[in-house]
Each structure stands twice: as structure tokens, then as C-alpha cells.
Amino acid sequence: MGTQLQVELALGLAPRQVHLVRLSLPVGSTVRDALFAADVWSLDASLTLQALESGEWTVGVWGRKERPGHVLRDRDRVELVRQLKVDPKEARRVRYRAQGEKLPKGIHRSPKARPI
């Protein structure tokens, strides 16, 4: 086993925008070590250690929420994302209502079954 881990850090700074950083860290490094090695604190003013601990930002490894003290393995992907501003269910409801108002009456009704 080598003495270095190859880790990728993905940071969601804005919607549909991902900032990727590839890191080489010593074996036994944690998520917190990766964040400091990538210097993520300088990329966004709202990204602070306090914001991370308060839940404003969430950190995970391969899509699973993890603690900053989680020990990384080789080829892990650390992901840092903001908390959702809108509930996804509510956003779908709003889009559906808006779409229904735009369509002409009867367009979203299913056609009648034809007799055989």
C-alpha cells in the first residue's frame, strides 16, 4: 500500500456548477484534512468551519453524509454542498401548477378509448 491517497473534492458553489480539486494526501487523512488541503475556505465567503458544523454546508463521501473526522480511503470523492433552499416536493408541485396554467384546457387529459 502506498503512502499517499488520491482524493477528489467536489464543491457545489452555485446551481449546476461544480468545482473539482484533485488532492494527494497522506494515508490516514480525514475529510477535514482534505478541506484544508484544498483551501476551500477561500472559494466562498459563506463557507466557514462554523457553517459546516451548523449544517449550512454538508460534507459527504460518495454521496453519503460523513463527519469531518471521517478517515478517507484511496480514490474517495469528498463532496461539499449547500443545504437545499426549497423542498424538492414543493418545487415539483409549483412547477406542475405553473405548467397546468399555461396549457390550453383539455391538453393534459387522456384521449378517450376507441371502440374495437
PDB file of N, CA and C in Angstrom:
ATOM      1  N   MET A   1       0.843  -1.178   0.000  1.00  0.00           N
ATOM      2  CA  MET A   1       0.000   0.000   0.000  1.00  0.00           C
ATOM      3  C   MET A   1       0.883   1.234   0.000  1.00  0.00           C
ATOM      4  N   GLY A   2       0.502   2.250  -0.797  1.00  0.00           N
ATOM      5  CA  GLY A   2       1.302   3.463  -0.912  1.00  0.00           C
ATOM      6  C   GLY A   2       1.191   4.348   0.309  1.00  0.00           C
ATOM      7  N   THR A   3       1.949   5.407   0.285  1.00  0.00           N
ATOM      8  CA  THR A   3       1.930   6.351   1.403  1.00  0.00           C
ATOM      9  C   THR A   3       1.047   7.555   1.115  1.00  0.00           C
ATOM     10  N   GLN A   4       0.487   7.620  -0.094  1.00  0.00           N
ATOM     11  CA  GLN A   4      -0.362   8.747  -0.477  1.00  0.00           C
ATOM     12  C   GLN A   4      -1.737   8.255  -0.937  1.00  0.00           C
ATOM     13  N   LEU A   5      -2.758   9.037  -0.627  1.00  0.00           N
ATOM     14  CA  LEU A   5      -4.117   8.788  -1.100  1.00  0.00           C
ATOM     15  C   LEU A   5      -4.416   9.757  -2.231  1.00  0.00           C
ATOM     16  N   GLN A   6      -5.077   9.277  -3.260  1.00  0.00           N
ATOM     17  CA  GLN A   6      -5.561  10.157  -4.318  1.00  0.00           C
ATOM     18  C   GLN A   6      -7.043  10.409  -4.029  1.00  0.00           C
ATOM     19  N   VAL A   7      -7.391  11.663  -3.767  1.00  0.00           N
ATOM     20  CA  VAL A   7      -8.748  12.035  -3.379  1.00  0.00           C
ATOM     21  C   VAL A   7      -9.226  13.158  -4.285  1.00  0.00           C
ATOM     22  N   GLU A   8     -10.501  13.132  -4.616  1.00  0.00           N
ATOM     23  CA  GLU A   8     -11.112  14.200  -5.410  1.00  0.00           C
ATOM     24  C   GLU A   8     -12.116  14.928  -4.527  1.00  0.00           C
ATOM     25  N   LEU A   9     -12.077  16.256  -4.551  1.00  0.00           N
ATOM     26  CA  LEU A   9     -13.007  17.059  -3.776  1.00  0.00           C
ATOM     27  C   LEU A   9     -13.922  17.795  -4.751  1.00  0.00           C
ATOM     28  N   ALA A  10     -15.233  17.627  -4.593  1.00  0.00           N
ATOM     29  CA  ALA A  10     -16.225  18.294  -5.440  1.00  0.00           C
ATOM     30  C   ALA A  10     -16.989  19.289  -4.580  1.00  0.00           C
ATOM     31  N   LEU A  11     -17.031  20.531  -5.047  1.00  0.00           N
ATOM     32  CA  LEU A  11     -17.646  21.610  -4.279  1.00  0.00           C
ATOM     33  C   LEU A  11     -18.727  22.261  -5.121  1.00  0.00           C
ATOM     34  N   GLY A  12     -19.967  22.264  -4.629  1.00  0.00           N
ATOM     35  CA  GLY A  12     -21.079  22.897  -5.339  1.00  0.00           C
ATOM     36  C   GLY A  12     -21.222  24.343  -4.914  1.00  0.00           C
ATOM     37  N   LEU A  13     -20.603  25.252  -5.662  1.00  0.00           N
ATOM     38  CA  LEU A  13     -20.643  26.671  -5.310  1.00  0.00           C
ATOM     39  C   LEU A  13     -21.948  27.341  -5.723  1.00  0.00           C
ATOM     40  N   ALA A  14     -22.508  26.919  -6.832  1.00  0.00           N
ATOM     41  CA  ALA A  14     -23.750  27.503  -7.346  1.00  0.00           C
ATOM     42  C   ALA A  14     -24.537  26.393  -8.037  1.00  0.00           C
ATOM     43  N   PRO A  15     -25.825  26.626  -8.301  1.00  0.00           N
ATOM     44  CA  PRO A  15     -26.594  25.595  -9.004  1.00  0.00           C
ATOM     45  C   PRO A  15     -25.955  25.225 -10.339  1.00  0.00           C
ATOM     46  N   ARG A  16     -25.853  23.925 -10.586  1.00  0.00           N
ATOM     47  CA  ARG A  16     -25.276  23.363 -11.818  1.00  0.00           C
ATOM     48  C   ARG A  16     -23.822  23.777 -12.043  1.00  0.00           C
ATOM     49  N   GLN A  17     -23.115  24.077 -10.977  1.00  0.00           N
ATOM     50  CA  GLN A  17     -21.699  24.438 -11.084  1.00  0.00           C
ATOM     51  C   GLN A  17     -20.924  23.628 -10.043  1.00  0.00           C
ATOM     52  N   VAL A  18     -19.952  22.856 -10.511  1.00  0.00           N
ATOM     53  CA  VAL A  18     -19.157  22.025  -9.609  1.00  0.00           C
ATOM     54  C   VAL A  18     -17.688  22.391  -9.775  1.00  0.00           C
ATOM     55  N   HIS A  19     -17.034  22.642  -8.665  1.00  0.00           N
ATOM     56  CA  HIS A  19     -15.605  22.948  -8.646  1.00  0.00           C
ATOM     57  C   HIS A  19     -14.890  21.674  -8.187  1.00  0.00           C
ATOM     58  N   LEU A  20     -14.033  21.102  -9.043  1.00  0.00           N
ATOM     59  CA  LEU A  20     -13.326  19.860  -8.718  1.00  0.00           C
ATOM     60  C   LEU A  20     -11.864  20.132  -8.392  1.00  0.00           C
ATOM     61  N   VAL A  21     -11.386  19.498  -7.344  1.00  0.00           N
ATOM     62  CA  VAL A  21      -9.982  19.612  -6.942  1.00  0.00           C
ATOM     63  C   VAL A  21      -9.456  18.201  -6.698  1.00  0.00           C
ATOM     64  N   ARG A  22      -8.343  17.860  -7.329  1.00  0.00           N
ATOM     65  CA  ARG A  22      -7.699  16.558  -7.087  1.00  0.00           C
ATOM     66  C   ARG A  22      -6.587  16.771  -6.068  1.00  0.00           C
ATOM     67  N   LEU A  23      -6.574  15.903  -5.070  1.00  0.00           N
ATOM     68  CA  LEU A  23      -5.620  16.038  -3.973  1.00  0.00           C
ATOM     69  C   LEU A  23      -4.819  14.759  -3.792  1.00  0.00           C
ATOM     70  N   SER A  24      -3.607  14.927  -3.326  1.00  0.00           N
ATOM     71  CA  SER A  24      -2.772  13.814  -2.918  1.00  0.00           C
ATOM     72  C   SER A  24      -2.491  14.026  -1.431  1.00  0.00           C
ATOM     73  N   LEU A  25      -3.035  13.149  -0.596  1.00  0.00           N
ATOM     74  CA  LEU A  25      -2.949  13.302   0.858  1.00  0.00           C
ATOM     75  C   LEU A  25      -2.262  12.092   1.476  1.00  0.00           C
ATOM     76  N   PRO A  26      -1.664  12.271   2.660  1.00  0.00           N
ATOM     77  CA  PRO A  26      -1.054  11.126   3.341  1.00  0.00           C
ATOM     78  C   PRO A  26      -2.116  10.128   3.817  1.00  0.00           C
ATOM     79  N   VAL A  27      -1.743   8.868   3.908  1.00  0.00           N
ATOM     80  CA  VAL A  27      -2.645   7.829   4.408  1.00  0.00           C
ATOM     81  C   VAL A  27      -3.078   8.208   5.820  1.00  0.00           C
ATOM     82  N   GLY A  28      -4.365   8.028   6.117  1.00  0.00           N
ATOM     83  CA  GLY A  28      -4.894   8.373   7.434  1.00  0.00           C
ATOM     84  C   GLY A  28      -5.501   9.761   7.482  1.00  0.00           C
ATOM     85  N   SER A  29      -5.527  10.465   6.354  1.00  0.00           N
ATOM     86  CA  SER A  29      -6.107  11.811   6.316  1.00  0.00           C
ATOM     87  C   SER A  29      -7.622  11.741   6.474  1.00  0.00           C
ATOM     88  N   THR A  30      -8.186  12.809   7.019  1.00  0.00           N
ATOM     89  CA  THR A  30      -9.626  12.884   7.243  1.00  0.00           C
ATOM     90  C   THR A  30     -10.267  13.844   6.242  1.00  0.00           C
ATOM     91  N   VAL A  31     -11.589  13.889   6.280  1.00  0.00           N
ATOM     92  CA  VAL A  31     -12.327  14.827   5.431  1.00  0.00           C
ATOM     93  C   VAL A  31     -11.890  16.253   5.748  1.00  0.00           C
ATOM     94  N   ARG A  32     -11.723  16.559   7.025  1.00  0.00           N
ATOM     95  CA  ARG A  32     -11.285  17.900   7.432  1.00  0.00           C
ATOM     96  C   ARG A  32      -9.915  18.229   6.834  1.00  0.00           C
ATOM     97  N   ASP A  33      -8.999  17.262   6.818  1.00  0.00           N
ATOM     98  CA  ASP A  33      -7.678  17.474   6.218  1.00  0.00           C
ATOM     99  C   ASP A  33      -7.802  17.802   4.734  1.00  0.00           C
ATOM    100  N   ALA A  34      -8.712  17.105   4.045  1.00  0.00           N
ATOM    101  CA  ALA A  34      -8.912  17.349   2.612  1.00  0.00           C
ATOM    102  C   ALA A  34      -9.449  18.755   2.376  1.00  0.00           C
ATOM    103  N   LEU A  35     -10.369  19.207   3.228  1.00  0.00           N
ATOM    104  CA  LEU A  35     -10.925  20.554   3.076  1.00  0.00           C
ATOM    105  C   LEU A  35      -9.849  21.617   3.255  1.00  0.00           C
ATOM    106  N   PHE A  36      -8.984  21.423   4.234  1.00  0.00           N
ATOM    107  CA  PHE A  36      -7.909  22.397   4.451  1.00  0.00           C
ATOM    108  C   PHE A  36      -6.856  22.315   3.353  1.00  0.00           C
ATOM    109  N   ALA A  37      -6.560  21.114   2.859  1.00  0.00           N
ATOM    110  CA  ALA A  37      -5.567  20.964   1.788  1.00  0.00           C
ATOM    111  C   ALA A  37      -6.045  21.636   0.502  1.00  0.00           C
ATOM    112  N   ALA A  38      -7.350  21.596   0.241  1.00  0.00           N
ATOM    113  CA  ALA A  38      -7.905  22.217  -0.969  1.00  0.00           C
ATOM    114  C   ALA A  38      -8.147  23.709  -0.774  1.00  0.00           C
ATOM    115  N   ASP A  39      -8.011  24.194   0.447  1.00  0.00           N
ATOM    116  CA  ASP A  39      -8.227  25.609   0.781  1.00  0.00           C
ATOM    117  C   ASP A  39      -9.609  26.069   0.308  1.00  0.00           C
ATOM    118  N   VAL A  40     -10.637  25.278   0.637  1.00  0.00           N
ATOM    119  CA  VAL A  40     -11.997  25.601   0.209  1.00  0.00           C
ATOM    120  C   VAL A  40     -12.521  26.874   0.863  1.00  0.00           C
ATOM    121  N   TRP A  41     -11.932  27.266   1.972  1.00  0.00           N
ATOM    122  CA  TRP A  41     -12.412  28.435   2.709  1.00  0.00           C
ATOM    123  C   TRP A  41     -12.233  29.718   1.896  1.00  0.00           C
ATOM    124  N   SER A  42     -11.288  29.729   0.973  1.00  0.00           N
ATOM    125  CA  SER A  42     -11.046  30.937   0.172  1.00  0.00           C
ATOM    126  C   SER A  42     -11.959  31.016  -1.058  1.00  0.00           C
ATOM    127  N   LEU A  43     -12.693  29.945  -1.373  1.00  0.00           N
ATOM    128  CA  LEU A  43     -13.518  29.918  -2.581  1.00  0.00           C
ATOM    129  C   LEU A  43     -14.870  30.599  -2.413  1.00  0.00           C
ATOM    130  N   ASP A  44     -15.409  30.613  -1.207  1.00  0.00           N
ATOM    131  CA  ASP A  44     -16.721  31.205  -0.964  1.00  0.00           C
ATOM    132  C   ASP A  44     -16.729  31.797   0.439  1.00  0.00           C
ATOM    133  N   ALA A  45     -17.213  33.035   0.558  1.00  0.00           N
ATOM    134  CA  ALA A  45     -17.212  33.717   1.855  1.00  0.00           C
ATOM    135  C   ALA A  45     -18.134  33.025   2.865  1.00  0.00           C
ATOM    136  N   SER A  46     -19.201  32.388   2.384  1.00  0.00           N
ATOM    137  CA  SER A  46     -20.139  31.737   3.305  1.00  0.00           C
ATOM    138  C   SER A  46     -19.638  30.376   3.784  1.00  0.00           C
ATOM    139  N   LEU A  47     -18.571  29.892   3.188  1.00  0.00           N
ATOM    140  CA  LEU A  47     -18.029  28.584   3.545  1.00  0.00           C
ATOM    141  C   LEU A  47     -16.993  28.748   4.654  1.00  0.00           C
ATOM    142  N   THR A  48     -17.417  28.435   5.869  1.00  0.00           N
ATOM    143  CA  THR A  48     -16.536  28.504   7.034  1.00  0.00           C
ATOM    144  C   THR A  48     -16.680  27.203   7.820  1.00  0.00           C
ATOM    145  N   LEU A  49     -15.773  26.993   8.741  1.00  0.00           N
ATOM    146  CA  LEU A  49     -15.852  25.803   9.584  1.00  0.00           C
ATOM    147  C   LEU A  49     -17.124  25.842  10.432  1.00  0.00           C
ATOM    148  N   GLN A  50     -17.513  27.042  10.877  1.00  0.00           N
ATOM    149  CA  GLN A  50     -18.744  27.185  11.661  1.00  0.00           C
ATOM    150  C   GLN A  50     -19.978  26.849  10.811  1.00  0.00           C
ATOM    151  N   ALA A  51     -19.980  27.275   9.534  1.00  0.00           N
ATOM    152  CA  ALA A  51     -21.106  26.970   8.636  1.00  0.00           C
ATOM    153  C   ALA A  51     -21.192  25.469   8.386  1.00  0.00           C
ATOM    154  N   LEU A  52     -20.060  24.817   8.335  1.00  0.00           N
ATOM    155  CA  LEU A  52     -20.027  23.369   8.140  1.00  0.00           C
ATOM    156  C   LEU A  52     -20.587  22.653   9.370  1.00  0.00           C
ATOM    157  N   GLU A  53     -20.200  23.111  10.544  1.00  0.00           N
ATOM    158  CA  GLU A  53     -20.663  22.484  11.785  1.00  0.00           C
ATOM    159  C   GLU A  53     -22.133  22.783  12.069  1.00  0.00           C
ATOM    160  N   SER A  54     -22.634  23.946  11.603  1.00  0.00           N
ATOM    161  CA  SER A  54     -24.031  24.312  11.853  1.00  0.00           C
ATOM    162  C   SER A  54     -24.999  23.651  10.877  1.00  0.00           C
ATOM    163  N   GLY A  55     -24.484  23.055   9.803  1.00  0.00           N
ATOM    164  CA  GLY A  55     -25.349  22.383   8.842  1.00  0.00           C
ATOM    165  C   GLY A  55     -25.698  23.218   7.625  1.00  0.00           C
ATOM    166  N   GLU A  56     -25.169  24.437   7.539  1.00  0.00           N
ATOM    167  CA  GLU A  56     -25.414  25.266   6.352  1.00  0.00           C
ATOM    168  C   GLU A  56     -24.779  24.620   5.122  1.00  0.00           C
ATOM    169  N   TRP A  57     -23.645  23.967   5.318  1.00  0.00           N
ATOM    170  CA  TRP A  57     -22.969  23.175   4.283  1.00  0.00           C
ATOM    171  C   TRP A  57     -22.925  21.741   4.776  1.00  0.00           C
ATOM    172  N   THR A  58     -23.004  20.793   3.854  1.00  0.00           N
ATOM    173  CA  THR A  58     -22.953  19.372   4.205  1.00  0.00           C
ATOM    174  C   THR A  58     -21.784  18.732   3.488  1.00  0.00           C
ATOM    175  N   VAL A  59     -21.076  17.868   4.202  1.00  0.00           N
ATOM    176  CA  VAL A  59     -19.947  17.165   3.600  1.00  0.00           C
ATOM    177  C   VAL A  59     -20.280  15.682   3.545  1.00  0.00           C
ATOM    178  N   GLY A  60     -19.875  15.060   2.445  1.00  0.00           N
ATOM    179  CA  GLY A  60     -20.129  13.640   2.275  1.00  0.00           C
ATOM    180  C   GLY A  60     -19.019  12.987   1.481  1.00  0.00           C
ATOM    181  N   VAL A  61     -19.012  11.671   1.492  1.00  0.00           N
ATOM    182  CA  VAL A  61     -18.061  10.890   0.700  1.00  0.00           C
ATOM    183  C   VAL A  61     -18.897   9.960  -0.171  1.00  0.00           C
ATOM    184  N   TRP A  62     -18.743  10.093  -1.464  1.00  0.00           N
ATOM    185  CA  TRP A  62     -19.506   9.319  -2.443  1.00  0.00           C
ATOM    186  C   TRP A  62     -21.007   9.414  -2.183  1.00  0.00           C
ATOM    187  N   GLY A  63     -21.503  10.614  -1.903  1.00  0.00           N
ATOM    188  CA  GLY A  63     -22.940  10.834  -1.748  1.00  0.00           C
ATOM    189  C   GLY A  63     -23.516  10.475  -0.396  1.00  0.00           C
ATOM    190  N   ARG A  64     -22.702  10.009   0.520  1.00  0.00           N
ATOM    191  CA  ARG A  64     -23.173   9.670   1.862  1.00  0.00           C
ATOM    192  C   ARG A  64     -22.637  10.691   2.848  1.00  0.00           C
ATOM    193  N   LYS A  65     -23.519  11.225   3.666  1.00  0.00           N
ATOM    194  CA  LYS A  65     -23.136  12.233   4.646  1.00  0.00           C
ATOM    195  C   LYS A  65     -22.115  11.648   5.620  1.00  0.00           C
ATOM    196  N   GLU A  66     -21.044  12.414   5.845  1.00  0.00           N
ATOM    197  CA  GLU A  66     -19.983  11.962   6.758  1.00  0.00           C
ATOM    198  C   GLU A  66     -19.573  13.092   7.692  1.00  0.00           C
ATOM    199  N   ARG A  67     -18.939  12.710   8.768  1.00  0.00           N
ATOM    200  CA  ARG A  67     -18.391  13.678   9.720  1.00  0.00           C
ATOM    201  C   ARG A  67     -17.073  14.222   9.179  1.00  0.00           C
ATOM    202  N   PRO A  68     -16.676  15.421   9.615  1.00  0.00           N
ATOM    203  CA  PRO A  68     -15.368  15.939   9.188  1.00  0.00           C
ATOM    204  C   PRO A  68     -14.203  15.067   9.654  1.00  0.00           C
ATOM    205  N   GLY A  69     -14.402  14.245  10.679  1.00  0.00           N
ATOM    206  CA  GLY A  69     -13.342  13.378  11.179  1.00  0.00           C
ATOM    207  C   GLY A  69     -13.266  12.025  10.484  1.00  0.00           C
ATOM    208  N   HIS A  70     -14.099  11.804   9.478  1.00  0.00           N
ATOM    209  CA  HIS A  70     -14.116  10.530   8.748  1.00  0.00           C
ATOM    210  C   HIS A  70     -12.776  10.313   8.041  1.00  0.00           C
ATOM    211  N   VAL A  71     -12.180   9.127   8.232  1.00  0.00           N
ATOM    212  CA  VAL A  71     -10.887   8.805   7.613  1.00  0.00           C
ATOM    213  C   VAL A  71     -11.123   8.399   6.157  1.00  0.00           C
ATOM    214  N   LEU A  72     -10.367   9.009   5.262  1.00  0.00           N
ATOM    215  CA  LEU A  72     -10.518   8.773   3.825  1.00  0.00           C
ATOM    216  C   LEU A  72      -9.749   7.549   3.360  1.00  0.00           C
ATOM    217  N   ARG A  73     -10.225   6.975   2.254  1.00  0.00           N
ATOM    218  CA  ARG A  73      -9.526   5.874   1.595  1.00  0.00           C
ATOM    219  C   ARG A  73      -9.085   6.339   0.215  1.00  0.00           C
ATOM    220  N   ASP A  74      -8.215   5.570  -0.396  1.00  0.00           N
ATOM    221  CA  ASP A  74      -7.714   5.921  -1.722  1.00  0.00           C
ATOM    222  C   ASP A  74      -8.874   5.998  -2.717  1.00  0.00           C
ATOM    223  N   ARG A  75      -8.846   6.997  -3.568  1.00  0.00           N
ATOM    224  CA  ARG A  75      -9.831   7.247  -4.631  1.00  0.00           C
ATOM    225  C   ARG A  75     -11.212   7.649  -4.118  1.00  0.00           C
ATOM    226  N   ASP A  76     -11.299   8.149  -2.888  1.00  0.00           N
ATOM    227  CA  ASP A  76     -12.567   8.668  -2.372  1.00  0.00           C
ATOM    228  C   ASP A  76     -12.899   9.990  -3.054  1.00  0.00           C
ATOM    229  N   ARG A  77     -14.188  10.285  -3.100  1.00  0.00           N
ATOM    230  CA  ARG A  77     -14.661  11.569  -3.629  1.00  0.00           C
ATOM    231  C   ARG A  77     -15.377  12.279  -2.485  1.00  0.00           C
ATOM    232  N   VAL A  78     -14.807  13.384  -2.038  1.00  0.00           N
ATOM    233  CA  VAL A  78     -15.389  14.193  -0.973  1.00  0.00           C
ATOM    234  C   VAL A  78     -16.275  15.239  -1.636  1.00  0.00           C
ATOM    235  N   GLU A  79     -17.522  15.356  -1.176  1.00  0.00           N
ATOM    236  CA  GLU A  79     -18.474  16.295  -1.763  1.00  0.00           C
ATOM    237  C   GLU A  79     -18.920  17.294  -0.713  1.00  0.00           C
ATOM    238  N   LEU A  80     -18.910  18.551  -1.076  1.00  0.00           N
ATOM    239  CA  LEU A  80     -19.297  19.633  -0.181  1.00  0.00           C
ATOM    240  C   LEU A  80     -20.409  20.412  -0.861  1.00  0.00           C
ATOM    241  N   VAL A  81     -21.611  20.397  -0.272  1.00  0.00           N
ATOM    242  CA  VAL A  81     -22.776  21.030  -0.891  1.00  0.00           C
ATOM    243  C   VAL A  81     -23.522  21.899   0.115  1.00  0.00           C
ATOM    244  N   ARG A  82     -24.206  22.910  -0.421  1.00  0.00           N
ATOM    245  CA  ARG A  82     -25.057  23.760   0.419  1.00  0.00           C
ATOM    246  C   ARG A  82     -26.333  22.997   0.759  1.00  0.00           C
ATOM    247  N   GLN A  83     -27.004  23.464   1.802  1.00  0.00           N
ATOM    248  CA  GLN A  83     -28.278  22.862   2.140  1.00  0.00           C
ATOM    249  C   GLN A  83     -29.334  23.361   1.144  1.00  0.00           C
ATOM    250  N   LEU A  84     -30.353  22.554   0.897  1.00  0.00           N
ATOM    251  CA  LEU A  84     -31.398  22.909  -0.057  1.00  0.00           C
ATOM    252  C   LEU A  84     -32.174  24.128   0.425  1.00  0.00           C
ATOM    253  N   LYS A  85     -32.487  25.023  -0.502  1.00  0.00           N
ATOM    254  CA  LYS A  85     -33.259  26.219  -0.154  1.00  0.00           C
ATOM    255  C   LYS A  85     -34.753  25.967  -0.287  1.00  0.00           C
ATOM    256  N   VAL A  86     -35.132  25.025  -1.148  1.00  0.00           N
ATOM    257  CA  VAL A  86     -36.539  24.713  -1.396  1.00  0.00           C
ATOM    258  C   VAL A  86     -36.717  23.206  -1.305  1.00  0.00           C
ATOM    259  N   ASP A  87     -37.804  22.794  -0.678  1.00  0.00           N
ATOM    260  CA  ASP A  87     -38.129  21.377  -0.600  1.00  0.00           C
ATOM    261  C   ASP A  87     -38.412  20.858  -2.011  1.00  0.00           C
ATOM    262  N   PRO A  88     -37.746  19.790  -2.460  1.00  0.00           N
ATOM    263  CA  PRO A  88     -37.948  19.291  -3.822  1.00  0.00           C
ATOM    264  C   PRO A  88     -39.403  18.944  -4.148  1.00  0.00           C
ATOM    265  N   LYS A  89     -40.140  18.392  -3.184  1.00  0.00           N
ATOM    266  CA  LYS A  89     -41.548  18.068  -3.432  1.00  0.00           C
ATOM    267  C   LYS A  89     -42.347  19.337  -3.727  1.00  0.00           C
ATOM    268  N   GLU A  90     -42.120  20.359  -2.933  1.00  0.00           N
ATOM    269  CA  GLU A  90     -42.848  21.615  -3.127  1.00  0.00           C
ATOM    270  C   GLU A  90     -42.474  22.257  -4.456  1.00  0.00           C
ATOM    271  N   ALA A  91     -41.210  22.189  -4.843  1.00  0.00           N
ATOM    272  CA  ALA A  91     -40.778  22.753  -6.128  1.00  0.00           C
ATOM    273  C   ALA A  91     -41.477  22.045  -7.287  1.00  0.00           C
ATOM    274  N   ARG A  92     -41.628  20.722  -7.212  1.00  0.00           N
ATOM    275  CA  ARG A  92     -42.337  19.981  -8.268  1.00  0.00           C
ATOM    276  C   ARG A  92     -43.803  20.387  -8.331  1.00  0.00           C
ATOM    277  N   ARG A  93     -44.430  20.560  -7.161  1.00  0.00           N
ATOM    278  CA  ARG A  93     -45.837  20.984  -7.140  1.00  0.00           C
ATOM    279  C   ARG A  93     -46.011  22.342  -7.805  1.00  0.00           C
ATOM    280  N   VAL A  94     -45.127  23.267  -7.486  1.00  0.00           N
ATOM    281  CA  VAL A  94     -45.204  24.617  -8.064  1.00  0.00           C
ATOM    282  C   VAL A  94     -45.017  24.555  -9.573  1.00  0.00           C
ATOM    283  N   ARG A  95     -44.036  23.778 -10.045  1.00  0.00           N
ATOM    284  CA  ARG A  95     -43.817  23.651 -11.494  1.00  0.00           C
ATOM    285  C   ARG A  95     -45.020  23.018 -12.174  1.00  0.00           C
ATOM    286  N   TYR A  96     -45.610  22.015 -11.552  1.00  0.00           N
ATOM    287  CA  TYR A  96     -46.773  21.341 -12.131  1.00  0.00           C
ATOM    288  C   TYR A  96     -47.950  22.310 -12.248  1.00  0.00           C
ATOM    289  N   ARG A  97     -48.195  23.090 -11.179  1.00  0.00           N
ATOM    290  CA  ARG A  97     -49.290  24.066 -11.225  1.00  0.00           C
ATOM    291  C   ARG A  97     -49.050  25.107 -12.307  1.00  0.00           C
ATOM    292  N   ALA A  98     -47.819  25.597 -12.410  1.00  0.00           N
ATOM    293  CA  ALA A  98     -47.496  26.605 -13.421  1.00  0.00           C
ATOM    294  C   ALA A  98     -47.661  26.029 -14.825  1.00  0.00           C
ATOM    295  N   GLN A  99     -47.272  24.797 -15.029  1.00  0.00           N
ATOM    296  CA  GLN A  99     -47.402  24.151 -16.333  1.00  0.00           C
ATOM    297  C   GLN A  99     -48.878  23.972 -16.680  1.00  0.00           C
ATOM    298  N   GLY A 100     -49.690  23.590 -15.710  1.00  0.00           N
ATOM    299  CA  GLY A 100     -51.115  23.396 -15.943  1.00  0.00           C
ATOM    300  C   GLY A 100     -51.818  24.685 -16.318  1.00  0.00           C
ATOM    301  N   GLU A 101     -51.368  25.815 -15.774  1.00  0.00           N
ATOM    302  CA  GLU A 101     -51.977  27.104 -16.098  1.00  0.00           C
ATOM    303  C   GLU A 101     -51.626  27.545 -17.512  1.00  0.00           C
ATOM    304  N   LYS A 102     -50.474  27.134 -18.023  1.00  0.00           N
ATOM    305  CA  LYS A 102     -50.021  27.568 -19.340  1.00  0.00           C
ATOM    306  C   LYS A 102     -50.668  26.773 -20.472  1.00  0.00           C
ATOM    307  N   LEU A 103     -50.983  25.502 -20.233  1.00  0.00           N
ATOM    308  CA  LEU A 103     -51.516  24.641 -21.287  1.00  0.00           C
ATOM    309  C   LEU A 103     -52.978  24.969 -21.572  1.00  0.00           C
ATOM    310  N   PRO A 104     -53.399  24.878 -22.832  1.00  0.00           N
ATOM    311  CA  PRO A 104     -54.816  25.069 -23.152  1.00  0.00           C
ATOM    312  C   PRO A 104     -55.658  24.002 -22.459  1.00  0.00           C
ATOM    313  N   LYS A 105     -56.897  24.345 -22.200  1.00  0.00           N
ATOM    314  CA  LYS A 105     -57.793  23.441 -21.490  1.00  0.00           C
ATOM    315  C   LYS A 105     -57.940  22.119 -22.245  1.00  0.00           C
ATOM    316  N   GLY A 106     -57.842  21.015 -21.536  1.00  0.00           N
ATOM    317  CA  GLY A 106     -58.035  19.698 -22.115  1.00  0.00           C
ATOM    318  C   GLY A 106     -56.788  19.065 -22.700  1.00  0.00           C
ATOM    319  N   ILE A 107     -55.682  19.793 -22.774  1.00  0.00           N
ATOM    320  CA  ILE A 107     -54.473  19.256 -23.406  1.00  0.00           C
ATOM    321  C   ILE A 107     -53.854  18.142 -22.561  1.00  0.00           C
ATOM    322  N   HIS A 108     -54.022  18.200 -21.248  1.00  0.00           N
ATOM    323  CA  HIS A 108     -53.395  17.187 -20.411  1.00  0.00           C
ATOM    324  C   HIS A 108     -54.373  16.070 -20.039  1.00  0.00           C
ATOM    325  N   ARG A 109     -55.536  16.068 -20.656  1.00  0.00           N
ATOM    326  CA  ARG A 109     -56.476  14.963 -20.449  1.00  0.00           C
ATOM    327  C   ARG A 109     -56.124  13.826 -21.397  1.00  0.00           C
ATOM    328  N   SER A 110     -56.357  12.622 -20.944  1.00  0.00           N
ATOM    329  CA  SER A 110     -56.055  11.475 -21.807  1.00  0.00           C
ATOM    330  C   SER A 110     -57.168  11.316 -22.843  1.00  0.00           C
ATOM    331  N   PRO A 111     -56.814  10.876 -24.048  1.00  0.00           N
ATOM    332  CA  PRO A 111     -57.842  10.688 -25.085  1.00  0.00           C
ATOM    333  C   PRO A 111     -58.770   9.536 -24.713  1.00  0.00           C
ATOM    334  N   LYS A 112     -60.011   9.613 -25.201  1.00  0.00           N
ATOM    335  CA  LYS A 112     -60.986   8.554 -24.913  1.00  0.00           C
ATOM    336  C   LYS A 112     -60.572   7.278 -25.633  1.00  0.00           C
ATOM    337  N   ALA A 113     -60.895   6.167 -25.009  1.00  0.00           N
ATOM    338  CA  ALA A 113     -60.574   4.873 -25.618  1.00  0.00           C
ATOM    339  C   ALA A 113     -61.463   4.652 -26.836  1.00  0.00           C
ATOM    340  N   ARG A 114     -60.881   4.157 -27.906  1.00  0.00           N
ATOM    341  CA  ARG A 114     -61.631   3.880 -29.132  1.00  0.00           C
ATOM    342  C   ARG A 114     -62.294   2.507 -29.026  1.00  0.00           C
ATOM    343  N   PRO A 115     -63.528   2.391 -29.510  1.00  0.00           N
ATOM    344  CA  PRO A 115     -64.163   1.058 -29.506  1.00  0.00           C
ATOM    345  C   PRO A 115     -63.515   0.159 -30.549  1.00  0.00           C
ATOM    346  N   ILE A 116     -63.470  -1.086 -30.274  1.00  0.00           N
ATOM    347  CA  ILE A 116     -62.826  -2.047 -31.181  1.00  0.00           C
ATOM    348  C   ILE A 116     -63.798  -2.547 -32.210  1.00  0.00           C
TER     349      ILE A 116
END
